[in-house]
Structure formats: C-alpha cells, structure tokens
Amino acid sequence: MLKRLDKKVKTEKIQNIKIKLYDGIRFDLEEKFDFILLFWMYHEVRNKPFFIEELKSALKPEGKMLIAEPGIHVSGKKFSESIKLLTDAGFKIVEEPRVSLSRAVVMQKKS
C-alpha cells in the first residue's frame, strides 16, 4: 500500500509529503509535522500509550491528525475507548468527518 502511495505522490508530483512505515517501536523522525494520517491502522497498535506520546512529539503545536478506523472491524465502543486515550493524553477532537466505511476524527493537541 505504501508503494502505491509513493508512486502516486511521484506521478502527481506532490511535494512536502513524507511516507513513513512505523516499526512499532519509535517513529525515528527528525522533524515535526503539520498533519499525520492514521488510516485503518490505529487498532493494530499494541502499546497505545507509548504510541500516543510518539504522536505528540511528532506533531507541531497546531498540527492535526486524522484517525480513520474500519467501521466493520472496529466497533463504536472500541473506537470511543481509543479516542478517550488520546483525549486523556492531551488531544482534543476538532472535527468528525465522514469517511467512507470508517469511523473518523480529526484531533489536535490541546493548547
């Protein structure tokens, strides 16, 4: 999937985008980001508290992240529990977009 995305980025000549594969341990990033996309993968993260701290350190102060989970695979209750971990860790919901076949929120660090 990442190879397809990389090909699309190159074909469309999209700039200022970095595609990273998370190893499950550390983000290993040198810069901070305006936007992070977690698409249909957050439910697979085993150590969510650690992962959340990595997200916080990777986002710029006004940065946002879109979390979309597969609606058929992640129940509303599980999604709410996952989002609560993020709000308890210092994120706030700024939008609840409609994403096809998904449960989704846009979040930002609380100021």
Protein backbone atom coordinates (compact mmCIF):
# COMPACT_ATOMS: atom_id res chain seq x y z
CA MET A 1 0.00 0.00 0.00
CA LEU A 2 2.82 2.43 0.82
CA LYS A 3 4.49 1.66 -2.52
CA ARG A 4 1.28 2.57 -4.33
CA LEU A 5 1.03 5.80 -2.36
CA ASP A 6 4.67 6.63 -3.09
CA LYS A 7 4.09 6.02 -6.80
CA LYS A 8 1.03 8.29 -6.75
CA VAL A 9 2.96 11.05 -4.97
CA LYS A 10 5.69 10.87 -7.61
CA THR A 11 3.28 10.63 -10.55
CA GLU A 12 1.23 13.59 -9.34
CA LYS A 13 4.41 15.48 -8.37
CA ILE A 14 3.07 16.16 -4.88
CA GLN A 15 5.60 17.94 -2.71
CA ASN A 16 6.04 18.25 1.05
CA ILE A 17 4.83 14.74 1.81
CA LYS A 18 6.79 12.03 3.57
CA ILE A 19 5.67 8.43 3.69
CA LYS A 20 6.91 6.53 6.73
CA LEU A 21 6.43 2.95 7.83
CA TYR A 22 6.19 2.72 11.61
CA ASP A 23 8.25 -0.13 13.07
CA GLY A 24 6.08 -0.44 16.17
CA ILE A 25 8.78 0.94 18.44
CA ARG A 26 9.78 4.50 17.56
CA PHE A 27 8.84 6.99 14.87
CA ASP A 28 12.52 7.88 14.35
CA LEU A 29 11.67 11.27 12.88
CA GLU A 30 13.88 14.32 12.75
CA GLU A 31 11.19 16.89 12.03
CA LYS A 32 7.72 17.79 13.30
CA PHE A 33 4.63 17.58 11.14
CA ASP A 34 1.57 19.69 10.34
CA PHE A 35 -0.53 16.60 9.66
CA ILE A 36 -0.42 12.89 10.49
CA LEU A 37 -2.75 10.34 8.90
CA LEU A 38 -3.60 7.16 10.79
CA PHE A 39 -5.73 5.25 8.32
CA TRP A 40 -7.19 1.89 9.30
CA MET A 41 -4.21 1.03 11.49
CA TYR A 42 -4.61 2.56 14.96
CA HIS A 43 -6.50 -0.50 16.24
CA GLU A 44 -3.41 -2.61 15.43
CA VAL A 45 -1.13 -0.60 17.75
CA ARG A 46 -0.30 -2.71 20.79
CA ASN A 47 1.19 -0.11 23.12
CA LYS A 48 -1.20 2.79 22.58
CA PRO A 49 0.08 5.00 25.47
CA PHE A 50 3.63 4.88 24.07
CA PHE A 51 2.36 5.42 20.52
CA ILE A 52 0.33 8.43 21.65
CA GLU A 53 3.42 10.03 23.19
CA GLU A 54 5.24 9.48 19.90
CA LEU A 55 2.35 11.21 18.08
CA LYS A 56 2.50 14.15 20.48
CA SER A 57 6.21 14.60 19.90
CA ALA A 58 5.86 14.31 16.11
CA LEU A 59 3.13 16.94 15.71
CA LYS A 60 3.75 20.65 15.52
CA PRO A 61 1.87 22.68 18.19
CA GLU A 62 -1.02 23.43 15.80
CA GLY A 63 -0.66 20.15 13.90
CA LYS A 64 -3.61 17.86 13.31
CA MET A 65 -4.11 14.18 12.79
CA LEU A 66 -6.88 12.26 11.11
CA ILE A 67 -7.69 8.90 12.62
CA ALA A 68 -9.91 6.66 10.50
CA GLU A 69 -10.74 3.11 11.51
CA PRO A 70 -12.67 0.47 9.54
CA GLY A 71 -16.28 0.64 10.71
CA ILE A 72 -16.90 -3.05 10.12
CA HIS A 73 -13.81 -4.12 12.10
CA VAL A 74 -13.69 -1.55 14.94
CA SER A 75 -16.88 -1.20 16.98
CA GLY A 76 -18.17 2.19 18.05
CA LYS A 77 -17.31 1.29 21.65
CA LYS A 78 -13.71 0.32 20.80
CA PHE A 79 -13.29 3.45 18.71
CA SER A 80 -14.57 5.63 21.56
CA GLU A 81 -12.21 3.91 24.01
CA SER A 82 -9.26 4.56 21.70
CA ILE A 83 -10.21 8.21 21.25
CA LYS A 84 -10.59 8.60 25.03
CA LEU A 85 -6.96 7.51 25.44
CA LEU A 86 -5.99 10.36 23.11
CA THR A 87 -8.16 12.96 24.85
CA ASP A 88 -6.83 11.85 28.25
CA ALA A 89 -3.30 12.29 26.86
CA GLY A 90 -3.87 15.89 25.79
CA PHE A 91 -5.60 15.79 22.42
CA LYS A 92 -8.96 17.30 21.51
CA ILE A 93 -11.42 16.45 18.76
CA VAL A 94 -11.67 19.30 16.26
CA GLU A 95 -13.76 17.58 13.59
CA GLU A 96 -15.69 14.38 12.96
CA PRO A 97 -15.51 13.99 9.18
CA ARG A 98 -17.45 11.44 7.18
CA VAL A 99 -15.01 8.92 5.78
CA SER A 100 -16.49 6.11 3.71
CA LEU A 101 -16.78 2.79 5.59
CA SER A 102 -14.94 4.31 8.56
CA ARG A 103 -15.22 5.87 11.98
CA ALA A 104 -13.12 9.01 11.93
CA VAL A 105 -11.99 12.06 13.90
CA VAL A 106 -9.56 14.89 13.39
CA MET A 107 -7.61 15.67 16.55
CA GLN A 108 -5.19 18.34 17.69
CA LYS A 109 -3.08 18.88 20.80
CA LYS A 110 -4.88 20.88 23.47
CA SER A 111 -3.33 24.31 23.92
